[in-house]
Structures are given as structure tokens and as C-alpha cells.
């Protein structure tokens, strides 16, 4: 039975009605990422009565998240984001089923995870994750709603909708360099704006109303209030096969904990920006931001183990891939990231 009073204002819309509310109740939406975009998207999807929402993220809350990730407070620092988000979202609407997945979206779990949902929301902030989401959605025939932020500009689009253009039709190959929000900076309101636009596309897709941003990239500048739509077509020459997926996304990632890394007497590689907190002090620490790593490979020893860490694990993974592609032999990602590492070395 639909909770009529809770949803009455949207049910009163002729484009929604009771039939539309039933569509929302029966929908299954996966949100990948519980950071700034996820915190903007999730409350409105939950409040609208979407029946089943999956939430996937392996990160913990850090203090630098709080200005834009409004589901969290100071009391949540170092706690898993999905655990806190699930609790807050269930309080917002107990009628929605929420599946919290405390882990990262990887090549190993991507297809198995995606195929259980009708629609995917890309709320990540890593380039590699966008290509992984795209390729998994193409192979599983699922549409996904994408957003990204660069300083004050938001970009929003819908990919693989009704066999429409994919992310690779717009961006065939990953850029060599792409600053994260930690490096470029971001306003919480910019992230919120992008998340709202994403949530709106989700609602339109489920309800079957309006014009979906398929084959269109919406650009919104928060400083000038200018808005543009860039149109693009499907590139039939781009093919995502299972073989290509495995080649690009199933590279093994070697992980190691801090205590085991200390025993190996190697180099700890901090790939954050120098101004990022917390400051980690280790006698064998090298600090090279992920943005500058490719040009600084000569500064790293090839005859010692290298243990990589960052703020959340995302930049560590891309740095790991770069070092392995550059023939570094003994490379690991630390299981602990900077917030946890600070507690261990202080």
C-alpha cells in the first residue's frame, strides 16, 4: 500500500499520479558513491519513495568531507560512510529498502552488482570509476546517470539509455591528468546542484516523463548561472566486450596493512597534495601528488617495496596502476588511508 499522505504532493502532479508512485516504489536504483554527489542525490531519491536503493562505497568519513557531504557530522569521522548514510536515510523514510554495501565498486564485483538494479547513479569522483561504471552498464544493458564537478561547473548526462550513447562516445579514452576535488577545490553548493540534476534525471527515467539527457551533456556554471547543452551521438565504432572489460578492469591490486608494510622496510608514497591534512610523518616517506607522479617516476627506487596511500584510496589505485605499467615490481596499496594512518603513526 502506498503511503498516500507522504507522497501526496508529487502524486498530485498529472505526470506522476498513483501509477507513477507505483513505478517509483517498484524501482531499484544503485548509487555508487556516498560522497558529495551521493549525499545530494540520496535523500531525495529516498524521500520520493523509490522502493529499493543500493548504496555502495568503501570510504570512511573525514573532516574535509563535511562542508559538502551533509549526511555526516563530526561524530562520524573515521566511520564507514555507507553505515552512517543508511542510518540517516532510514530515518528519513523507513518505507524504503536500503542495501548498504561497504566496499568499493571494482572490476571484480561490477557486473554482478549492476545487474541487480534497473538504473545506476554515478556519484563517484574518480575518472577510472566512470569508465568502469560505463563498461559494466553497457555489458549489463543498464542506463546510468552521471555527474561530475570541476570547481564551479557541473556536468550531467545520462548514458546507455535505450541503447543510446555511452560515456565512451563522449570521452573515448581517460585523460592523462584530471585533478580531484581535493586538488582543484569545490564548493558544497556546486556538488549539491549537480546532485539535484542527477536526482531529477533518475525521477524522469523511472516515471517515463520529460526529456532525458541522453546524448546530451548539460553544463551548468554556478558562478555565471550560464547553462549550455552539448549534444553528441552514439559512436558505433566503440565496442565494449567482455574481453575488453577484463583486460581494462580486472588487474589485480596488491593490498598490505601498515604493520606488515613497516616490516618490509620500503618507501611510503603519499599521493595527496602537500596541503592536505592530516600530515603523516614517517622517516621513509615520499610525497608526490598523483597529478605529478608520471613526471616524477625517476625519483622512486625500483629496488625497494613502495606502499601507496592517499585520503580515500581512489588516488592510490590510479597511482598503483601507473607504477605497475611503468614496470615497478613490488608495489602495494596500503589498506589504511591517511585518516587511519595518522592514528597508527602518531
Protein backbone atom coordinates (compact mmCIF):
# COMPACT_ATOMS: atom_id res chain seq x y z
CA UNK A 1 0.00 0.00 0.00
CA UNK A 2 1.39 3.42 -0.90
CA UNK A 3 1.72 5.90 1.98
CA UNK A 4 -0.62 8.44 0.39
CA UNK A 5 -0.02 11.40 2.71
CA UNK A 6 3.78 11.21 2.50
CA UNK A 7 3.80 11.37 -1.30
CA UNK A 8 0.59 13.35 -1.88
CA UNK A 9 2.27 16.45 -3.31
CA UNK A 10 4.05 14.52 -6.06
CA UNK A 11 1.12 12.18 -6.65
CA UNK A 12 -0.97 15.27 -7.38
CA UNK A 13 1.21 16.01 -10.39
CA UNK A 14 -0.61 14.77 -13.50
CA UNK A 15 2.68 13.37 -14.84
CA UNK A 16 3.06 11.22 -11.70
CA UNK A 17 -0.23 10.17 -10.12
CA UNK A 18 -0.72 6.87 -8.32
CA UNK A 19 0.63 4.95 -11.33
CA UNK A 20 3.85 6.90 -11.24
CA UNK A 21 4.20 6.43 -7.49
CA UNK A 22 3.90 2.69 -8.00
CA UNK A 23 6.69 2.89 -10.57
CA UNK A 24 8.89 4.61 -8.00
CA UNK A 25 8.03 2.04 -5.36
CA UNK A 26 8.96 -0.82 -7.69
CA UNK A 27 12.21 0.75 -8.92
CA UNK A 28 15.67 -0.48 -7.96
CA UNK A 29 18.39 2.19 -8.09
CA UNK A 30 22.07 1.76 -7.28
CA UNK A 31 24.04 4.82 -6.16
CA UNK A 32 27.79 4.30 -6.46
CA UNK A 33 29.50 6.76 -4.13
CA UNK A 34 28.41 8.20 -0.79
CA UNK A 35 30.40 11.41 -1.06
CA UNK A 36 29.24 14.87 -2.10
CA UNK A 37 27.12 13.79 -5.05
CA UNK A 38 25.71 10.80 -3.19
CA UNK A 39 24.75 12.97 -0.22
CA UNK A 40 22.86 15.28 -2.59
CA UNK A 41 21.14 12.55 -4.60
CA UNK A 42 20.23 10.03 -1.93
CA UNK A 43 17.92 11.99 0.38
CA UNK A 44 15.64 12.98 -2.49
CA UNK A 45 15.52 9.51 -4.01
CA UNK A 46 14.69 8.07 -0.59
CA UNK A 47 12.14 10.79 0.21
CA UNK A 48 10.39 10.25 -3.14
CA UNK A 49 9.62 6.62 -2.25
CA UNK A 50 11.90 4.70 -4.61
CA UNK A 51 11.40 1.21 -3.26
CA UNK A 52 14.91 -0.22 -3.24
CA UNK A 53 18.13 1.76 -3.18
CA UNK A 54 21.59 0.24 -3.19
CA UNK A 55 24.40 2.37 -1.77
CA UNK A 56 27.99 1.37 -2.45
CA UNK A 57 31.15 2.99 -1.09
CA UNK A 58 34.20 1.73 0.78
CA UNK A 59 35.33 5.08 2.17
CA UNK A 60 35.17 6.49 5.69
CA UNK A 61 34.11 9.98 6.75
CA UNK A 62 36.90 12.55 7.07
CA UNK A 63 36.73 16.11 8.33
CA UNK A 64 37.41 17.56 4.86
CA UNK A 65 34.21 15.88 3.63
CA UNK A 66 31.87 17.74 5.96
CA UNK A 67 31.44 21.02 4.07
CA UNK A 68 29.69 19.22 1.21
CA UNK A 69 28.73 15.73 2.44
CA UNK A 70 25.79 16.78 4.53
CA UNK A 71 24.68 13.33 5.71
CA UNK A 72 27.66 13.26 8.08
CA UNK A 73 28.79 15.11 11.22
CA UNK A 74 31.99 15.44 13.26
CA UNK A 75 30.88 12.47 15.34
CA UNK A 76 31.02 10.28 12.20
CA UNK A 77 34.68 10.88 11.32
CA UNK A 78 36.52 7.61 10.50
CA UNK A 79 33.24 5.69 10.40
CA UNK A 80 32.12 3.96 7.17
CA UNK A 81 30.10 6.35 5.04
CA UNK A 82 27.52 3.78 3.95
CA UNK A 83 26.81 2.77 7.55
CA UNK A 84 26.09 6.35 8.60
CA UNK A 85 24.20 7.18 5.40
CA UNK A 86 21.98 4.14 5.72
CA UNK A 87 21.01 5.12 9.27
CA UNK A 88 20.19 8.72 8.31
CA UNK A 89 18.27 7.71 5.19
CA UNK A 90 16.19 5.10 7.00
CA UNK A 91 15.21 7.81 9.50
CA UNK A 92 14.15 9.99 6.58
CA UNK A 93 11.89 7.30 5.06
CA UNK A 94 11.60 3.92 6.82
CA UNK A 95 9.46 2.57 3.96
CA UNK A 96 12.40 2.42 1.55
CA UNK A 97 14.64 -0.64 1.48
CA UNK A 98 18.29 0.41 1.55
CA UNK A 99 21.12 -2.01 0.82
CA UNK A 100 24.37 -0.55 2.17
CA UNK A 101 27.44 -2.12 0.53
CA UNK A 102 30.58 -1.19 2.44
CA UNK A 103 33.14 -1.73 -0.31
CA UNK A 104 34.43 -0.17 -3.50
CA UNK A 105 32.98 -0.76 -6.95
CA UNK A 106 35.65 -2.82 -8.69
CA UNK A 107 36.14 -4.82 -11.85
CA UNK A 108 35.56 -7.99 -9.86
CA UNK A 109 32.15 -7.02 -8.47
CA UNK A 110 30.93 -4.51 -11.07
CA UNK A 111 28.78 -6.65 -13.34
CA UNK A 112 27.36 -8.79 -10.56
CA UNK A 113 26.36 -5.65 -8.64
CA UNK A 114 24.93 -3.68 -11.58
CA UNK A 115 22.72 -6.45 -12.94
CA UNK A 116 20.57 -6.41 -9.79
CA UNK A 117 19.35 -2.86 -10.43
CA UNK A 118 17.25 -1.01 -13.01
CA UNK A 119 19.25 2.20 -13.02
CA UNK A 120 22.72 3.25 -11.85
CA UNK A 121 23.78 6.63 -10.45
CA UNK A 122 27.44 7.53 -10.86
CA UNK A 123 28.18 9.59 -7.74
CA UNK A 124 31.93 8.97 -7.82
CA UNK A 125 34.74 11.47 -8.26
CA UNK A 126 37.34 9.27 -9.97
CA UNK A 127 37.92 9.04 -13.72
CA UNK A 128 38.67 5.31 -13.63
CA UNK A 129 35.40 4.63 -11.81
CA UNK A 130 33.39 6.35 -14.55
CA UNK A 131 34.84 4.09 -17.24
CA UNK A 132 34.26 1.04 -15.06
CA UNK A 133 30.64 2.02 -14.42
CA UNK A 134 30.10 2.72 -18.10
CA UNK A 135 31.54 -0.57 -19.28
CA UNK A 136 29.66 -2.63 -16.70
CA UNK A 137 26.40 -0.87 -17.58
CA UNK A 138 26.94 -1.47 -21.31
CA UNK A 139 27.58 -5.18 -20.78
CA UNK A 140 24.57 -5.49 -18.45
CA UNK A 141 22.35 -3.19 -20.58
CA UNK A 142 21.67 -0.70 -17.78
CA UNK A 143 21.37 3.09 -18.07
CA UNK A 144 23.36 5.30 -15.74
CA UNK A 145 23.08 8.92 -14.65
CA UNK A 146 26.41 10.69 -14.46
CA UNK A 147 27.61 13.94 -12.91
CA UNK A 148 31.00 15.49 -12.38
CA UNK A 149 32.27 18.73 -10.91
CA UNK A 150 35.16 20.98 -11.81
CA UNK A 151 35.33 23.86 -9.38
CA UNK A 152 32.09 25.80 -10.05
CA UNK A 153 30.97 23.88 -13.12
CA UNK A 154 28.66 20.88 -13.02
CA UNK A 155 28.30 18.38 -15.86
CA UNK A 156 25.36 15.99 -16.03
CA UNK A 157 24.33 13.39 -18.59
CA UNK A 158 22.57 10.03 -18.98
CA UNK A 159 24.43 7.23 -20.71
CA UNK A 160 23.40 3.89 -22.24
CA UNK A 161 19.72 4.87 -22.06
CA UNK A 162 17.60 2.85 -24.51
CA UNK A 163 20.76 1.82 -26.35
CA UNK A 164 21.80 5.46 -26.62
CA UNK A 165 25.30 6.97 -26.47
CA UNK A 166 27.68 5.79 -23.75
CA UNK A 167 30.28 7.60 -21.70
CA UNK A 168 32.96 6.43 -24.12
CA UNK A 169 31.06 8.00 -27.03
CA UNK A 170 31.70 11.35 -25.35
CA UNK A 171 35.08 10.56 -23.80
CA UNK A 172 36.62 7.59 -25.66
CA UNK A 173 39.76 7.40 -23.51
CA UNK A 174 40.70 8.56 -19.98
CA UNK A 175 42.68 11.80 -19.78
CA UNK A 176 46.27 11.53 -18.61
CA UNK A 177 45.66 14.09 -15.88
CA UNK A 178 42.46 15.04 -14.09
CA UNK A 179 42.55 16.89 -10.75
CA UNK A 180 40.29 15.62 -7.97
CA UNK A 181 38.15 18.00 -5.93
CA UNK A 182 40.85 17.82 -3.23
CA UNK A 183 43.30 19.24 -5.76
CA UNK A 184 41.05 21.67 -7.65
CA UNK A 185 38.77 22.73 -4.79
CA UNK A 186 34.97 22.68 -4.75
CA UNK A 187 32.01 24.44 -3.16
CA UNK A 188 29.43 22.29 -1.43
CA UNK A 189 26.69 24.11 -3.32
CA UNK A 190 28.25 23.15 -6.66
CA UNK A 191 28.12 19.49 -5.71
CA UNK A 192 24.57 19.85 -4.43
CA UNK A 193 23.46 21.44 -7.70
CA UNK A 194 24.92 18.57 -9.74
CA UNK A 195 23.35 16.00 -7.43
CA UNK A 196 19.93 17.60 -7.73
CA UNK A 197 20.16 17.49 -11.51
CA UNK A 198 21.11 13.82 -11.28
CA UNK A 199 18.19 13.04 -8.99
CA UNK A 200 15.86 14.80 -11.41
CA UNK A 201 17.07 12.60 -14.29
CA UNK A 202 16.52 9.50 -12.16
CA UNK A 203 12.94 10.52 -11.48
CA UNK A 204 12.24 11.26 -15.15
CA UNK A 205 13.66 7.91 -16.26
CA UNK A 206 11.64 5.90 -13.75
CA UNK A 207 8.43 7.83 -14.38
CA UNK A 208 8.89 7.93 -18.15
CA UNK A 209 8.34 11.68 -18.35
CA UNK A 210 10.15 14.69 -19.79
CA UNK A 211 13.26 14.76 -21.95
CA UNK A 212 16.08 12.62 -20.60
CA UNK A 213 19.66 13.88 -21.00
CA UNK A 214 20.61 11.01 -23.27
CA UNK A 215 23.04 12.15 -25.96
CA UNK A 216 23.22 15.49 -24.17
CA UNK A 217 25.78 16.90 -21.74
CA UNK A 218 24.34 19.61 -19.53
CA UNK A 219 26.90 22.21 -18.42
CA UNK A 220 25.91 24.47 -15.54
CA UNK A 221 28.21 27.24 -14.32
CA UNK A 222 27.44 28.18 -10.73
CA UNK A 223 29.29 31.48 -10.90
CA UNK A 224 27.73 32.94 -14.05
CA UNK A 225 24.46 30.95 -13.93
CA UNK A 226 25.02 30.15 -17.59
CA UNK A 227 23.73 26.82 -18.80
CA UNK A 228 24.53 25.03 -22.05
CA UNK A 229 23.68 21.66 -23.56
CA UNK A 230 26.26 19.91 -25.70
CA UNK A 231 24.73 17.23 -27.95
CA UNK A 232 26.61 14.13 -29.06
CA UNK A 233 25.78 10.94 -30.94
CA UNK A 234 26.46 7.29 -30.38
CA UNK A 235 29.78 6.11 -31.79
CA UNK A 236 29.06 2.71 -33.29
CA UNK A 237 32.79 2.04 -33.68
CA UNK A 238 33.24 1.85 -29.91
CA UNK A 239 32.61 -1.67 -28.67
CA UNK A 240 32.71 -2.92 -25.09
CA UNK A 241 33.24 -6.66 -25.00
CA UNK A 242 33.75 -8.98 -22.05
CA UNK A 243 37.33 -9.47 -23.18
CA UNK A 244 38.00 -5.74 -23.22
CA UNK A 245 36.33 -5.35 -19.82
CA UNK A 246 38.57 -7.98 -18.26
CA UNK A 247 41.69 -6.50 -19.82
CA UNK A 248 40.97 -2.98 -18.58
CA UNK A 249 39.29 -3.57 -15.23
CA UNK A 250 40.44 -6.87 -13.73
CA UNK A 251 44.04 -6.05 -12.94
CA UNK A 252 44.94 -7.46 -9.52
CA UNK A 253 45.50 -4.87 -6.79
CA UNK A 254 48.02 -5.86 -4.12
CA UNK A 255 46.99 -4.58 -0.69
CA UNK A 256 49.00 -4.54 2.53
CA UNK A 257 48.35 -3.27 6.06
CA UNK A 258 50.61 -0.71 7.74
CA UNK A 259 52.16 -3.06 10.27
CA UNK A 260 53.18 -5.54 7.56
CA UNK A 261 54.49 -2.72 5.36
CA UNK A 262 56.79 -1.46 8.15
CA UNK A 263 58.45 -4.87 8.36
CA UNK A 264 59.31 -4.79 4.63
CA UNK A 265 61.42 -1.61 5.02
CA UNK A 266 60.21 0.11 1.87
CA UNK A 267 59.06 3.56 0.73
CA UNK A 268 55.71 5.05 1.76
CA UNK A 269 54.34 7.07 -1.15
CA UNK A 270 51.82 9.79 -0.26
CA UNK A 271 50.00 10.78 -3.47
CA UNK A 272 47.90 13.54 -1.90
CA UNK A 273 48.51 17.24 -2.45
CA UNK A 274 51.01 18.77 0.00
CA UNK A 275 48.41 20.94 1.71
CA UNK A 276 46.06 18.06 2.51
CA UNK A 277 45.52 17.04 6.13
CA UNK A 278 46.32 15.05 8.16
CA UNK A 279 50.09 15.40 7.88
CA UNK A 280 51.74 11.98 8.00
CA UNK A 281 55.29 11.84 9.38
CA UNK A 282 57.33 8.74 8.52
CA UNK A 283 61.12 8.51 8.13
CA UNK A 284 60.84 6.80 4.72
CA UNK A 285 58.01 8.93 3.28
CA UNK A 286 57.96 10.36 -0.26
CA UNK A 287 55.24 12.87 -1.18
CA UNK A 288 54.34 13.16 -4.88
CA UNK A 289 50.80 14.14 -5.86
CA UNK A 290 49.05 11.80 -8.25
CA UNK A 291 48.86 14.65 -10.75
CA UNK A 292 52.68 14.89 -10.86
CA UNK A 293 53.52 11.22 -10.42
CA UNK A 294 54.03 10.34 -14.07
CA UNK A 295 56.74 13.00 -14.42
CA UNK A 296 58.42 12.05 -11.14
CA UNK A 297 58.81 8.29 -11.55
CA UNK A 298 62.59 8.72 -11.64
CA UNK A 299 62.50 9.86 -8.01
CA UNK A 300 61.23 6.47 -6.84
CA UNK A 301 63.51 3.50 -6.14
CA UNK A 302 62.96 0.34 -8.14
CA UNK A 303 64.80 -1.93 -5.71
CA UNK A 304 62.52 -1.34 -2.70
CA UNK A 305 58.84 -2.01 -1.98
CA UNK A 306 56.55 1.00 -2.47
CA UNK A 307 53.45 1.42 -0.29
CA UNK A 308 50.93 3.94 -1.66
CA UNK A 309 48.29 5.83 0.31
CA UNK A 310 46.01 8.85 -0.11
CA UNK A 311 42.90 10.30 1.52
CA UNK A 312 40.29 7.74 0.46
CA UNK A 313 42.03 5.08 -1.65
CA UNK A 314 40.94 6.32 -5.09
CA UNK A 315 44.18 8.09 -5.98
CA UNK A 316 46.20 5.22 -4.53
CA UNK A 317 44.61 2.84 -7.01
CA UNK A 318 45.31 5.01 -10.04
CA UNK A 319 48.90 5.53 -8.83
CA UNK A 320 49.30 1.79 -8.36
CA UNK A 321 48.22 1.20 -11.93
CA UNK A 322 50.67 3.81 -13.23
CA UNK A 323 53.61 2.30 -11.32
CA UNK A 324 52.80 -1.24 -12.49
CA UNK A 325 52.51 -0.05 -16.08
CA UNK A 326 55.93 1.59 -15.63
CA UNK A 327 57.50 -1.75 -14.59
CA UNK A 328 57.84 -1.14 -10.87
CA UNK A 329 57.91 -4.61 -9.36
CA UNK A 330 56.95 -4.58 -5.67
CA UNK A 331 54.08 -2.10 -5.36
CA UNK A 332 51.25 -2.15 -2.82
CA UNK A 333 48.28 -0.02 -1.80
CA UNK A 334 48.04 0.46 1.94
CA UNK A 335 44.81 -0.82 3.40
CA UNK A 336 44.85 2.24 5.64
CA UNK A 337 44.39 5.70 4.13
CA UNK A 338 45.63 8.97 5.59
CA UNK A 339 42.98 9.43 8.35
CA UNK A 340 43.52 5.91 9.69
CA UNK A 341 47.29 6.09 9.16
CA UNK A 342 47.51 9.21 11.30
CA UNK A 343 46.17 7.26 14.27
CA UNK A 344 48.74 4.49 13.75
CA UNK A 345 51.85 6.67 13.42
CA UNK A 346 51.03 9.38 15.95
